[in-house]
Protein backbone atom coordinates (compact mmCIF):
# COMPACT_ATOMS: atom_id res chain seq x y z
CA MET A 1 -0.70 -0.20 24.74
CA LYS A 2 -2.28 -1.19 21.14
CA ARG A 3 -1.68 -4.08 19.21
CA PHE A 4 -0.78 -3.82 15.43
CA ALA A 5 -0.37 -6.79 13.05
CA LEU A 6 1.69 -6.46 9.75
CA ILE A 7 0.58 -8.84 7.12
CA CYS A 8 4.01 -10.28 6.15
CA CYS A 9 2.56 -10.96 2.13
CA SER A 10 6.67 -10.55 1.30
CA ASP A 11 10.20 -10.77 2.82
CA LEU A 12 11.18 -8.10 1.38
CA GLY A 13 12.12 -4.52 3.81
CA LEU A 14 9.49 -5.81 5.95
CA ASP A 15 11.23 -4.33 9.20
CA LEU A 16 11.22 -0.60 6.98
CA LEU A 17 7.96 -1.02 6.49
CA SER A 18 6.64 -1.67 10.34
CA SER A 19 9.12 1.38 11.62
CA THR A 20 8.12 3.35 9.02
CA PHE A 21 4.77 3.43 10.29
CA ARG A 22 4.49 2.88 13.16
CA SER A 23 4.06 5.33 16.44
CA GLU A 24 5.46 5.01 20.18
CA GLY A 25 3.81 3.28 22.25
CA GLN A 26 2.59 0.52 20.44
CA GLN A 27 3.20 -3.16 20.27
CA TRP A 28 3.92 -4.76 16.52
CA THR A 29 3.83 -8.56 15.72
CA HIS A 30 4.52 -9.37 12.11
CA LEU A 31 1.75 -12.37 11.00
CA LEU A 32 2.96 -14.93 7.85
CA ALA A 33 0.20 -14.82 5.03
CA ASP A 34 0.61 -17.92 4.33
CA ALA A 35 0.79 -19.45 7.70
CA GLU A 36 -1.39 -22.66 8.79
CA HIS A 37 -4.56 -21.09 11.00
CA PHE A 38 -3.55 -17.37 10.01
CA ALA A 39 -7.34 -15.95 10.54
CA ALA A 40 -7.31 -17.30 14.34
CA SER A 41 -3.90 -15.53 15.33
CA ALA A 42 -4.48 -12.55 13.09
CA HIS A 43 -7.62 -12.25 14.99
CA GLY A 44 -8.12 -8.98 17.65
CA TYR A 45 -5.94 -6.37 16.93
CA ASP A 46 -6.23 -2.88 17.01
CA GLY A 47 -5.47 -2.18 13.05
CA TYR A 48 -3.91 -3.53 10.10
CA LEU A 49 -0.49 -3.25 8.01
CA ILE A 50 -0.26 -5.09 4.48
CA SER A 51 2.83 -5.70 2.68
CA GLY A 52 4.10 -5.35 -0.63
CA SER A 53 3.90 -8.58 -2.20
CA MET A 54 4.54 -10.67 -5.60
CA ARG A 55 1.53 -12.02 -5.99
CA SER A 56 -1.71 -11.16 -7.66
CA VAL A 57 -4.46 -10.15 -6.34
CA VAL A 58 -6.54 -10.94 -9.41
CA ASP A 59 -4.59 -14.62 -10.89
CA ASP A 60 -3.99 -15.82 -7.53
CA ALA A 61 -6.25 -15.00 -5.03
CA ALA A 62 -7.23 -18.61 -4.11
CA THR A 63 -3.84 -19.08 -3.58
CA PRO A 64 -3.13 -19.71 0.46
CA SER A 65 -1.91 -16.07 1.40
CA VAL A 66 -3.99 -14.22 -1.36
CA ALA A 67 -6.61 -15.72 -0.03
CA ASN A 68 -5.88 -15.44 3.40
CA VAL A 69 -5.45 -11.63 3.53
CA LEU A 70 -8.50 -11.45 0.91
CA ALA A 71 -10.13 -13.08 3.79
CA LEU A 72 -9.01 -10.94 6.27
CA ILE A 73 -9.93 -7.58 4.90
CA ARG A 74 -13.74 -8.24 4.33
CA ASP A 75 -13.98 -10.02 8.42
CA VAL A 76 -11.91 -6.45 9.10
CA HIS A 77 -14.73 -4.64 7.26
CA ALA A 78 -17.62 -6.98 8.64
CA ASN A 79 -17.00 -7.65 12.68
CA SER A 80 -14.31 -5.27 13.51
CA ASN A 81 -14.01 -1.52 13.81
CA ALA A 82 -9.73 -1.97 13.27
CA PRO A 83 -8.34 0.23 10.54
CA ILE A 84 -6.10 -1.21 7.59
CA LEU A 85 -3.49 0.60 5.78
CA GLY A 86 -2.20 -1.23 2.73
CA ILE A 87 0.80 -0.77 0.60
CA CYS A 88 1.20 -1.84 -2.85
CA PHE A 89 -0.09 -5.78 -2.41
CA GLY A 90 -1.72 -4.79 -0.23
CA SER A 91 -3.69 -1.42 -1.42
CA GLN A 92 -4.67 -3.61 -3.91
CA ALA A 93 -6.33 -6.06 -1.34
CA ILE A 94 -8.51 -3.48 0.29
CA ALA A 95 -9.70 -2.74 -3.37
CA ALA A 96 -10.53 -6.04 -3.96
CA ALA A 97 -11.72 -7.67 -0.87
CA LEU A 98 -14.20 -4.71 -0.80
CA GLY A 99 -15.66 -4.33 -4.02
CA GLY A 100 -13.66 -2.54 -6.70
CA ARG A 101 -10.89 -3.37 -9.49
CA VAL A 102 -7.47 -4.58 -9.91
CA SER A 103 -7.16 -4.96 -13.32
CA GLN A 104 -2.87 -4.58 -15.31
CA ASN A 105 -1.28 -0.89 -15.26
CA PRO A 106 -2.91 1.34 -17.82
CA SER A 107 0.79 1.73 -19.37
CA GLY A 108 -0.04 -2.37 -19.86
CA ARG A 109 4.29 -2.75 -18.90
CA PHE A 110 5.50 -2.92 -15.52
CA ARG A 111 5.62 -0.18 -13.64
CA LEU A 112 9.16 1.01 -11.29
CA GLY A 113 10.24 4.56 -10.98
CA VAL A 114 8.75 7.79 -9.55
CA ASP A 115 5.35 9.05 -9.45
CA GLU A 116 4.71 12.88 -8.08
CA LEU A 117 1.09 12.15 -6.80
CA ARG A 118 -1.75 14.78 -7.47
CA TRP A 119 -3.54 15.27 -4.19
CA SER A 120 -7.34 15.10 -5.52
CA GLU A 121 -10.30 18.59 -5.37
CA ALA A 122 -12.26 16.91 -2.86
CA ALA A 123 -9.33 16.14 -0.24
CA ASP A 124 -10.41 18.54 1.80
CA PRO A 125 -7.26 19.73 3.75
CA LEU A 126 -9.19 20.92 6.12
CA ARG A 127 -9.74 16.80 7.03
CA TRP A 128 -6.23 15.58 5.90
CA PRO A 129 -4.01 18.55 6.53
CA GLU A 130 -1.26 16.51 4.47
CA THR A 131 -2.43 17.03 1.37
CA LEU A 132 -1.50 20.51 1.29
CA ARG A 133 1.67 19.00 1.56
CA GLY A 134 3.54 17.95 -1.82
CA ALA A 135 4.30 13.79 -2.08
CA THR A 136 6.04 12.02 -4.27
CA LEU A 137 6.84 8.09 -4.06
CA ALA A 138 8.58 5.19 -5.73
CA GLN A 139 7.12 2.88 -7.52
CA SER A 140 6.89 -0.98 -8.61
CA HIS A 141 4.13 -2.87 -9.72
CA GLY A 142 2.57 -4.37 -12.80
CA GLU A 143 -0.99 -3.93 -11.78
CA CYS A 144 -3.32 -1.24 -9.52
CA VAL A 145 -6.93 0.08 -8.65
CA THR A 146 -8.29 0.62 -11.76
CA GLU A 147 -12.34 0.87 -10.04
CA LEU A 148 -12.64 1.93 -6.47
CA PRO A 149 -14.70 0.43 -4.25
CA SER A 150 -18.03 1.84 -3.21
CA HIS A 151 -17.77 4.03 -0.46
CA SER A 152 -14.44 5.47 -1.28
CA GLU A 153 -12.90 8.56 -1.40
CA LEU A 154 -9.55 9.56 -3.88
CA LEU A 155 -6.95 11.49 -2.08
CA ALA A 156 -4.44 11.20 -4.83
CA SER A 157 -3.09 10.49 -8.04
CA SER A 158 -0.86 10.58 -10.45
CA ALA A 159 0.41 10.61 -13.83
CA THR A 160 0.81 6.36 -14.31
CA THR A 161 -1.60 5.71 -11.83
CA PRO A 162 -5.49 7.13 -11.19
CA HIS A 163 -5.37 6.02 -7.49
CA GLU A 164 -2.63 6.12 -5.51
CA VAL A 165 -4.28 7.14 -2.65
CA PHE A 166 -7.20 6.31 -1.75
CA LEU A 167 -10.00 5.32 1.51
CA VAL A 168 -12.66 3.65 2.47
CA HIS A 169 -15.24 3.75 5.27
CA ASP A 170 -13.02 6.12 6.59
CA ARG A 171 -10.73 3.59 8.32
CA PHE A 172 -9.23 1.60 5.43
CA LEU A 173 -6.19 3.33 3.46
CA GLY A 174 -4.68 1.88 0.60
CA VAL A 175 -1.80 3.51 -1.03
CA GLN A 176 -0.31 2.10 -4.09
CA GLY A 177 3.58 3.64 -3.61
CA HIS A 178 5.64 2.65 -1.77
CA PRO A 179 6.53 5.70 0.88
CA GLU A 180 8.11 3.43 3.58
CA ALA A 181 11.32 3.10 0.29
CA ASP A 182 13.64 5.90 0.51
CA SER A 183 15.61 6.58 -3.07
CA LYS A 184 18.52 4.26 -1.78
CA THR A 185 16.36 1.65 -0.75
CA PHE A 186 13.96 1.78 -4.29
CA ARG A 187 17.62 2.21 -6.42
CA GLU A 188 19.25 -1.06 -4.29
CA SER A 189 16.06 -3.70 -3.40
CA PHE A 190 13.15 -2.07 -5.61
CA MET A 191 15.25 -1.85 -9.53
CA PRO A 192 18.20 -4.76 -9.38
CA LEU A 193 14.64 -7.23 -8.32
CA HIS A 194 13.40 -6.56 -11.68
CA ARG A 195 15.94 -5.59 -13.92
CA SER A 196 14.95 -7.95 -15.85
CA LEU A 197 11.59 -6.98 -17.06
CA PHE A 198 13.10 -3.83 -18.77
CA ASP A 199 16.00 -3.48 -22.21
CA LEU A 200 18.43 -0.82 -21.95
CA ASN A 201 16.26 1.88 -22.79
CA GLN A 202 13.91 1.53 -20.88
CA TRP A 203 16.46 0.59 -17.76
CA GLN A 204 17.87 4.03 -18.69
CA ALA A 205 14.30 5.60 -17.97
CA VAL A 206 14.34 3.77 -14.60
CA GLU A 207 17.90 5.13 -13.38
CA ASP A 208 16.66 7.87 -14.56
CA GLU A 209 13.81 8.78 -12.57
CA SER A 210 15.43 6.77 -9.66
CA LYS A 211 17.35 10.52 -9.56
CA GLN A 212 14.59 12.38 -8.55
CA PRO A 213 13.57 13.75 -4.69
CA LEU A 214 11.16 11.06 -2.53
CA MET A 215 8.97 13.12 -0.49
CA ARG A 216 7.38 10.73 1.47
CA GLU A 217 6.74 12.50 4.70
CA ALA A 218 3.19 13.61 3.88
CA VAL A 219 1.92 10.21 2.85
CA ILE A 220 3.50 8.34 5.58
CA SER A 221 1.70 11.23 8.28
CA LEU A 222 -1.52 9.95 6.55
CA GLY A 223 -0.75 5.97 7.49
CA ARG A 224 0.08 6.73 11.27
CA ARG A 225 -2.69 9.15 11.94
CA LEU A 226 -4.95 6.31 10.17
CA LEU A 227 -3.19 3.34 12.94
CA ALA A 228 -3.34 5.30 16.08
CA ASP A 229 -6.87 7.13 15.70
CA GLY A 230 -8.55 4.28 13.26
CA ARG A 231 -9.99 6.73 11.31
CA LEU A 232 -9.10 9.64 8.84
């Protein structure tokens, strides 16, 4: 039985996150990113899923939770064949750890809403059949990946974020949006958390976007396949 670790960088929706990407016959463990002896406890898994976080991989890079995650990604890259799936903060951590760049969102504002993904013309549907299906994800982030690491392949972008889904060295998959969140979760968990960042007019736009149907299955399938097969 393959063993996987969910790297917990936040306490928001962790059970939902792991259940979204778990496949039958897998054993999953939750590991706190800021735990003492994190490196030793995270060693030797067959794959990793890195959660979102309120932390910044840029401004908080020296804090234990962020430093531990960045070190794990670099160690797996150098010394293991395990795949890593990063969601939101996890996606940014993959980029930052492997030589890319993370910066404030292009709009200069926190992004809370719903975005339709545009699959890249370079995303070969024979290799990634998931790209034949539409994808629309909930978004909740103040920063995003603005420059991909070397040996990256851009799979999808959106109107608000240039690198929504990307793959590095065939086994590090970054997803900026939140495929684990359905419309109910977005409205009841994500929106209240960030309400104070928006004025009335801005909030109305968020509420309007929250009514759009989400199409998460293609991205979930990519993540599950990466973890199960070890490569994409």
